[in-house]
Amino acid sequence: MQSQANLNWGIAAAGRITQDFVTALGTVEKSRHVVVAVADVDGQRAQQFAQRNQIPRHYDGFDALALDREVDVVYVGTLNPFHYAVVHLMLARGKNVLCETPMSLSVEQAKELYTLAEQRGVFLMEGMWSRFFPSYDRLRELLNNDVIGEVTQVKVQHGFRLAHMERVCNRSLGGSILMDIGIYALQLGQFVFGVSPVKILPSGTQLNKERVDVQIEFMLDYGDGRRLVALVTGLENLENDAVITGTKGEIKLSNYWCCTQLSRSNAPPESWPLPRAKFDFHYTNTCGLRYEAEEVRRCIEKRLLESPKFTHAESLELAAIADEIRRQIGVVYDV
C-alpha cells in the first residue's frame, strides 16, 4: 500500500463498539480511512449497518470479508470468545488486523495469533486504545522528565453498572469485569512502571452465580516499594480516575482509560477535547478510537508488524497477568 493511498477497512461484527469505531473514523481530519465492507454472523444486521454508514459491501459471515481483496485491514469487534477464531481467519488470509481488547481468552491463544501474524508478515494489534490518546503521550513526557519524581503508587477506581450485561456476567461469552474493564488498570501499571509485577494479589472478589467476577480488587507489587492498587466493579458507578503518586507530586487522569484531561500538583489541568461526530457514541469517549485507527494507518504505511506504543510482548504480558488473576480467583473458561 502506498503511503498516500486510502486505508481500506473491513469491519467484523455489526455491534455497538464497531459502530462507535466507524463513527470515530469519520472524525479524522483529511481522513484516508475508508470503510469498504462489514460482516456479521447475522447478515441482516450487517446489511443495516452498511446502510446506516454508507458502506458499499456487507457480508453474511466472516469468510467473505476475509476474501475481499480490497480490504487492507480488519477491525474485529465480535464478542470476546470469538476474537481468536475471527482474527485467525483474517491473518490466515493475509489481512492486517486490529482486534478489540482482549485479543483472546488466554495467553496461549494470543501467542498463537501473534506467531501467525509474524509468519504471514502482517500487522496485528490488540486495541489497547488508551495508549494512543494524546494524554498518554503527555503522561510519558511528564514521567520521563521526572516531574513527579519516582512513582511509588498508581491507584485506580473503575466502575460502571455492568454486572447485568451478558458480555460481563455470562461465562460462555467470556464474561469477567477484569477482562471487560480491569485490563485497563493493568495496562496503566505496565505503562507507568515498565516492568512485570513481582507479586499479583487479588482480593475483595465477588463472583456471580456463573462464577464470573463482577467485582475485584487487586494489588500488583512491582518491587522497590512500587505498586498498583485497583478496585474494578460492575456493581456501581465510580469516579473512574487514576492517581499516579510520586516522591515530588501526583498526576490525576480523569477517565483514565480514555483520558482527555490530565491534572497535576501545582499546574493547571490540560485537556484534549474530542470532536463532534455524525452519530452519538455508545460508550465513554469512544470518539478517541480515532487515535488508535491513526496509529494503525501509520504502522501499516511504515510496514511495521506491531505498534511501538503497544507491542505484542506488552499485550502478552497483560494476558499472562489476567490469566494469573483469574487462576487465583477461580474464573475458568471453556477454551
Protein backbone atom coordinates (compact mmCIF):
# COMPACT_ATOMS: atom_id res chain seq x y z
CA MET A 1 0.00 0.00 0.00
CA GLN A 2 1.41 3.40 -0.98
CA SER A 3 1.76 5.93 1.82
CA GLN A 4 -0.71 8.36 0.24
CA ALA A 5 -3.36 5.74 -0.59
CA ASN A 6 -6.50 5.28 1.45
CA LEU A 7 -6.51 2.60 4.11
CA ASN A 8 -9.46 0.31 3.35
CA TRP A 9 -11.13 -1.11 6.45
CA GLY A 10 -13.32 -4.18 6.80
CA ILE A 11 -15.46 -4.37 9.93
CA ALA A 12 -16.00 -7.76 11.60
CA ALA A 13 -19.28 -7.59 13.59
CA ALA A 14 -22.11 -5.08 13.36
CA GLY A 15 -22.39 -4.07 17.01
CA ARG A 16 -22.13 -1.06 19.28
CA ILE A 17 -18.35 -0.89 19.56
CA THR A 18 -17.87 -1.34 15.80
CA GLN A 19 -20.47 1.40 15.19
CA ASP A 20 -18.50 3.72 17.50
CA PHE A 21 -15.29 2.83 15.66
CA VAL A 22 -16.78 3.67 12.25
CA THR A 23 -18.26 6.91 13.65
CA ALA A 24 -14.85 7.81 15.13
CA LEU A 25 -13.12 7.19 11.77
CA GLY A 26 -15.41 9.83 10.29
CA THR A 27 -13.92 12.49 12.60
CA VAL A 28 -10.31 12.11 11.42
CA GLU A 29 -9.26 15.29 9.58
CA LYS A 30 -8.28 14.76 5.93
CA SER A 31 -9.11 11.16 6.63
CA ARG A 32 -7.53 8.50 4.49
CA HIS A 33 -9.62 5.84 6.23
CA VAL A 34 -12.37 4.25 4.12
CA VAL A 35 -14.72 1.51 5.33
CA VAL A 36 -15.37 -0.72 2.32
CA ALA A 37 -17.10 -3.76 3.89
CA VAL A 38 -18.83 -5.06 7.00
CA ALA A 39 -19.59 -8.65 8.01
CA ASP A 40 -21.65 -10.21 10.78
CA VAL A 41 -22.94 -13.67 11.67
CA ASP A 42 -26.37 -12.08 11.17
CA GLY A 43 -26.46 -10.97 7.53
CA GLN A 44 -29.41 -8.66 8.08
CA ARG A 45 -27.56 -6.84 10.83
CA ALA A 46 -24.58 -6.40 8.51
CA GLN A 47 -26.89 -5.01 5.82
CA GLN A 48 -28.48 -2.49 8.21
CA PHE A 49 -25.03 -1.44 9.47
CA ALA A 50 -23.85 -0.94 5.88
CA GLN A 51 -26.90 1.19 5.01
CA ARG A 52 -26.57 3.34 8.13
CA ASN A 53 -22.87 4.00 7.48
CA GLN A 54 -22.92 4.06 3.64
CA ILE A 55 -20.57 1.06 3.41
CA PRO A 56 -20.57 -0.44 -0.12
CA ARG A 57 -20.45 -4.15 0.77
CA HIS A 58 -21.95 -6.29 3.52
CA TYR A 59 -21.45 -10.00 4.16
CA ASP A 60 -23.32 -12.77 5.95
CA GLY A 61 -20.45 -14.39 7.91
CA PHE A 62 -16.74 -13.60 8.07
CA ASP A 63 -15.32 -15.83 5.30
CA ALA A 64 -16.33 -13.46 2.51
CA LEU A 65 -14.79 -10.50 4.35
CA ALA A 66 -11.52 -12.41 4.68
CA LEU A 67 -11.57 -12.97 0.89
CA ASP A 68 -12.39 -9.34 -0.04
CA ARG A 69 -9.30 -8.20 -1.91
CA GLU A 70 -9.99 -4.51 -1.38
CA VAL A 71 -9.77 -4.80 2.41
CA ASP A 72 -6.35 -3.78 3.79
CA VAL A 73 -7.13 -4.15 7.48
CA VAL A 74 -9.94 -5.70 9.52
CA TYR A 75 -11.28 -4.31 12.80
CA VAL A 76 -12.55 -7.25 14.88
CA GLY A 77 -15.26 -6.24 17.36
CA THR A 78 -17.07 -9.53 18.00
CA LEU A 79 -17.84 -10.84 21.49
CA ASN A 80 -14.68 -11.92 23.35
CA PRO A 81 -14.88 -15.72 22.80
CA PHE A 82 -14.96 -15.24 19.02
CA HIS A 83 -11.92 -12.94 18.77
CA TYR A 84 -9.48 -15.83 18.40
CA ALA A 85 -11.29 -17.57 15.53
CA VAL A 86 -12.07 -14.40 13.56
CA VAL A 87 -8.57 -12.93 13.97
CA HIS A 88 -7.05 -16.31 13.00
CA LEU A 89 -9.21 -16.42 9.85
CA MET A 90 -8.21 -12.89 8.80
CA LEU A 91 -4.49 -13.42 9.45
CA ALA A 92 -4.53 -16.73 7.56
CA ARG A 93 -5.90 -14.83 4.54
CA GLY A 94 -3.14 -12.23 4.81
CA LYS A 95 -5.17 -9.38 6.32
CA ASN A 96 -3.78 -6.82 8.74
CA VAL A 97 -5.87 -6.86 11.94
CA LEU A 98 -6.86 -4.55 14.77
CA CYS A 99 -8.69 -6.61 17.41
CA GLU A 100 -10.78 -5.22 20.25
CA THR A 101 -9.27 -5.98 23.64
CA PRO A 102 -8.80 -8.70 24.85
CA MET A 103 -7.02 -10.41 21.95
CA SER A 104 -8.31 -13.77 23.21
CA LEU A 105 -9.36 -15.57 26.40
CA SER A 106 -5.91 -16.99 27.20
CA VAL A 107 -2.27 -16.08 26.82
CA GLU A 108 -1.70 -19.28 24.80
CA GLN A 109 -4.28 -18.29 22.18
CA ALA A 110 -2.81 -14.78 22.00
CA LYS A 111 0.70 -16.21 21.44
CA GLU A 112 -0.65 -18.33 18.57
CA LEU A 113 -2.16 -15.29 16.88
CA TYR A 114 0.97 -13.15 17.19
CA THR A 115 3.09 -16.02 15.84
CA LEU A 116 0.74 -16.45 12.88
CA ALA A 117 0.81 -12.70 12.14
CA GLU A 118 4.60 -12.72 12.14
CA GLN A 119 4.68 -15.81 9.88
CA ARG A 120 2.29 -14.16 7.41
CA GLY A 121 4.12 -10.82 7.60
CA VAL A 122 1.00 -8.84 8.54
CA PHE A 123 0.26 -6.21 11.17
CA LEU A 124 -1.64 -7.30 14.28
CA MET A 125 -2.56 -5.17 17.28
CA GLU A 126 -4.79 -5.61 20.30
CA GLY A 127 -6.88 -2.47 20.56
CA MET A 128 -5.47 -1.04 23.79
CA TRP A 129 -6.87 2.32 22.76
CA SER A 130 -5.77 4.09 25.96
CA ARG A 131 -2.18 4.16 24.72
CA PHE A 132 -2.93 6.28 21.66
CA PHE A 133 -4.65 9.23 23.36
CA PRO A 134 -2.57 12.46 23.37
CA SER A 135 -2.92 12.43 27.18
CA TYR A 136 -0.77 9.28 27.32
CA ASP A 137 1.92 10.93 25.18
CA ARG A 138 1.86 13.81 27.66
CA LEU A 139 1.94 11.41 30.63
CA ARG A 140 5.01 9.69 29.16
CA GLU A 141 6.70 13.09 28.76
CA LEU A 142 5.93 14.11 32.37
CA LEU A 143 7.20 10.79 33.76
CA ASN A 144 10.37 10.89 31.60
CA ASN A 145 11.05 14.45 32.77
CA ASP A 146 10.79 13.38 36.42
CA VAL A 147 8.05 15.96 37.04
CA ILE A 148 6.56 13.99 39.98
CA GLY A 149 9.79 12.22 40.96
CA GLU A 150 9.95 8.47 41.37
CA VAL A 151 6.50 6.90 41.11
CA THR A 152 5.54 4.83 44.16
CA GLN A 153 1.84 4.15 43.56
CA VAL A 154 -0.79 4.04 40.85
CA LYS A 155 -4.32 3.97 42.29
CA VAL A 156 -7.28 3.18 40.04
CA GLN A 157 -11.00 3.02 40.67
CA HIS A 158 -13.09 1.93 37.71
CA GLY A 159 -16.76 1.08 37.96
CA PHE A 160 -19.93 1.00 35.89
CA ARG A 161 -23.23 -0.79 36.47
CA LEU A 162 -22.41 -3.61 34.08
CA ALA A 163 -22.99 -6.77 36.11
CA HIS A 164 -26.28 -7.47 34.28
CA MET A 165 -24.70 -7.19 30.82
CA GLU A 166 -24.32 -10.53 29.01
CA ARG A 167 -20.75 -9.77 27.95
CA VAL A 168 -19.78 -9.30 31.63
CA CYS A 169 -21.93 -11.83 33.50
CA ASN A 170 -22.09 -14.79 31.11
CA ARG A 171 -19.19 -17.25 31.40
CA SER A 172 -19.82 -18.77 27.97
CA LEU A 173 -19.38 -15.27 26.46
CA GLY A 174 -16.05 -14.78 28.24
CA GLY A 175 -17.69 -12.68 30.94
CA SER A 176 -15.47 -11.02 33.56
CA ILE A 177 -15.23 -7.47 34.87
CA LEU A 178 -11.45 -7.94 34.85
CA MET A 179 -11.45 -8.79 31.13
CA ASP A 180 -14.04 -6.12 30.29
CA ILE A 181 -12.59 -3.06 32.04
CA GLY A 182 -9.98 -4.27 34.55
CA ILE A 183 -7.48 -4.82 31.75
CA TYR A 184 -7.16 -1.02 31.52
CA ALA A 185 -5.89 -0.78 35.10
CA LEU A 186 -3.33 -3.49 34.29
CA GLN A 187 -2.12 -1.61 31.21
CA LEU A 188 -1.66 1.59 33.21
CA GLY A 189 0.61 -0.19 35.70
CA GLN A 190 2.59 -1.56 32.77
CA PHE A 191 2.79 1.88 31.11
CA VAL A 192 3.97 3.67 34.26
CA PHE A 193 6.38 1.12 35.74
CA GLY A 194 7.63 -0.56 32.54
CA VAL A 195 8.41 -3.87 34.26
CA SER A 196 6.47 -7.02 35.15
CA PRO A 197 4.97 -7.20 38.65
CA VAL A 198 6.80 -9.44 41.13
CA LYS A 199 3.57 -10.22 43.02
CA ILE A 200 -0.08 -10.32 41.96
CA LEU A 201 -2.53 -10.19 44.84
CA PRO A 202 -6.28 -10.13 44.11
CA SER A 203 -8.76 -9.56 46.96
CA GLY A 204 -12.35 -8.47 47.55
CA THR A 205 -13.57 -10.57 44.63
CA GLN A 206 -17.29 -11.05 44.03
CA LEU A 207 -18.31 -13.85 41.68
CA ASN A 208 -21.84 -14.22 40.31
CA LYS A 209 -23.79 -17.48 40.11
CA GLU A 210 -21.91 -18.43 36.91
CA ARG A 211 -18.63 -18.00 38.82
CA VAL A 212 -17.65 -14.94 36.84
CA ASP A 213 -16.06 -11.93 38.57
CA VAL A 214 -18.34 -8.88 38.75
CA GLN A 215 -16.10 -7.03 41.23
CA ILE A 216 -12.42 -7.36 42.04
CA GLU A 217 -9.69 -5.54 43.89
CA PHE A 218 -6.05 -6.26 43.21
CA MET A 219 -2.59 -5.09 44.15
CA LEU A 220 0.34 -5.55 41.81
CA ASP A 221 3.72 -5.24 43.51
CA TYR A 222 6.47 -4.03 41.16
CA GLY A 223 9.24 -4.22 43.76
CA ASP A 224 11.19 -1.38 45.41
CA GLY A 225 8.04 -0.05 47.10
CA ARG A 226 6.15 0.46 43.82
CA ARG A 227 2.60 -0.78 43.40
CA LEU A 228 -0.67 -0.57 41.50
CA VAL A 229 -3.82 -0.69 43.61
CA ALA A 230 -7.15 -1.10 41.80
CA LEU A 231 -10.85 -1.51 42.50
CA VAL A 232 -12.77 -2.62 39.42
CA THR A 233 -16.51 -3.20 39.67
CA GLY A 234 -19.58 -3.86 37.58
CA LEU A 235 -21.86 -3.20 40.55
CA GLU A 236 -21.70 0.60 40.85
CA ASN A 237 -20.53 3.73 39.09
CA LEU A 238 -17.23 5.09 40.39
CA GLU A 239 -15.09 8.19 39.71
CA ASN A 240 -13.14 6.26 37.04
CA ASP A 241 -9.92 8.14 37.57
CA ALA A 242 -6.33 7.14 38.23
CA VAL A 243 -3.92 8.89 40.56
CA ILE A 244 -0.19 8.41 39.96
CA THR A 245 1.78 9.35 43.08
CA GLY A 246 5.47 10.15 43.03
CA THR A 247 8.04 11.41 45.52
CA LYS A 248 7.54 15.02 44.27
CA GLY A 249 3.81 15.19 43.44
CA GLU A 250 0.95 13.46 41.68
CA ILE A 251 -0.83 13.24 38.35
CA LYS A 252 -4.54 12.53 38.00
CA LEU A 253 -6.04 11.06 34.84
CA SER A 254 -9.79 11.62 34.51
CA ASN A 255 -11.49 8.67 32.73
CA TYR A 256 -8.01 7.20 32.84
CA TRP A 257 -8.54 4.52 30.15
CA CYS A 258 -9.77 7.09 27.59
CA CYS A 259 -8.30 10.18 29.17
CA THR A 260 -8.98 13.63 27.75
CA GLN A 261 -7.99 15.57 30.90
CA LEU A 262 -4.84 15.33 32.99
CA SER A 263 -4.12 17.37 36.12
CA ARG A 264 -1.10 17.53 38.39
CA SER A 265 0.10 19.21 41.55
CA ASN A 266 0.59 22.99 41.19
CA ALA A 267 -0.29 23.19 37.50
CA PRO A 268 -3.48 23.97 35.56
CA PRO A 269 -5.32 20.96 34.08
CA GLU A 270 -4.50 20.02 30.49
CA SER A 271 -7.23 18.77 28.19
CA TRP A 272 -7.64 17.34 24.70
CA PRO A 273 -11.32 17.67 23.71
CA LEU A 274 -12.75 15.18 21.25
CA PRO A 275 -14.51 16.47 18.11
CA ARG A 276 -18.22 16.19 17.38
CA ALA A 277 -19.29 13.29 15.20
CA LYS A 278 -22.09 12.31 12.83
CA PHE A 279 -23.71 9.93 15.36
CA ASP A 280 -23.79 9.80 19.15
CA PHE A 281 -21.43 7.28 20.75
CA HIS A 282 -22.47 4.29 22.84
CA TYR A 283 -19.53 4.35 25.25
CA THR A 284 -17.39 6.88 27.12
CA ASN A 285 -15.06 8.90 24.84
CA THR A 286 -15.12 6.27 22.07
CA CYS A 287 -14.58 9.07 19.58
CA GLY A 288 -11.00 8.53 20.82
CA LEU A 289 -10.86 5.29 18.80
CA ARG A 290 -9.76 7.72 16.06
CA TYR A 291 -6.29 7.86 17.67
CA GLU A 292 -5.94 4.07 17.56
CA ALA A 293 -7.02 4.00 13.91
CA GLU A 294 -4.43 6.62 13.01
CA GLU A 295 -1.73 4.56 14.75
CA VAL A 296 -2.76 1.50 12.70
CA ARG A 297 -2.51 3.56 9.50
CA ARG A 298 0.94 4.90 10.43
CA CYS A 299 2.23 1.41 11.26
CA ILE A 300 0.88 -0.20 8.07
CA GLU A 301 2.30 2.62 5.94
CA LYS A 302 5.71 2.01 7.55
CA ARG A 303 5.25 -1.75 7.03
CA LEU A 304 5.56 -2.39 10.77
CA LEU A 305 4.13 -5.66 12.10
CA GLU A 306 3.38 -4.18 15.54
CA SER A 307 2.91 -0.79 17.16
CA PRO A 308 5.81 0.50 19.26
CA LYS A 309 3.17 2.07 21.54
CA PHE A 310 1.61 -1.31 22.37
CA THR A 311 3.81 -4.20 21.34
CA HIS A 312 2.99 -7.89 21.04
CA ALA A 313 5.18 -8.50 24.10
CA GLU A 314 3.22 -5.95 26.17
CA SER A 315 -0.08 -7.49 25.07
CA LEU A 316 1.12 -10.97 26.05
CA GLU A 317 2.39 -9.73 29.40
CA LEU A 318 -1.05 -8.30 30.24
CA ALA A 319 -2.74 -11.52 29.07
CA ALA A 320 -0.45 -13.51 31.39
CA ILE A 321 -1.25 -11.23 34.36
CA ALA A 322 -5.00 -11.51 33.65
CA ASP A 323 -4.67 -15.32 33.37
CA GLU A 324 -2.92 -15.42 36.75
CA ILE A 325 -5.54 -13.23 38.45
CA ARG A 326 -8.34 -15.42 37.06
CA ARG A 327 -6.48 -18.54 38.20
CA GLN A 328 -6.23 -17.16 41.74
CA ILE A 329 -9.91 -16.16 41.94
CA GLY A 330 -11.20 -19.33 40.25
CA VAL A 331 -12.66 -17.96 36.99
CA VAL A 332 -12.24 -20.61 34.28
CA TYR A 333 -13.29 -20.54 30.62
CA ASP A 334 -14.02 -23.49 28.31
CA VAL A 335 -11.42 -22.70 25.65
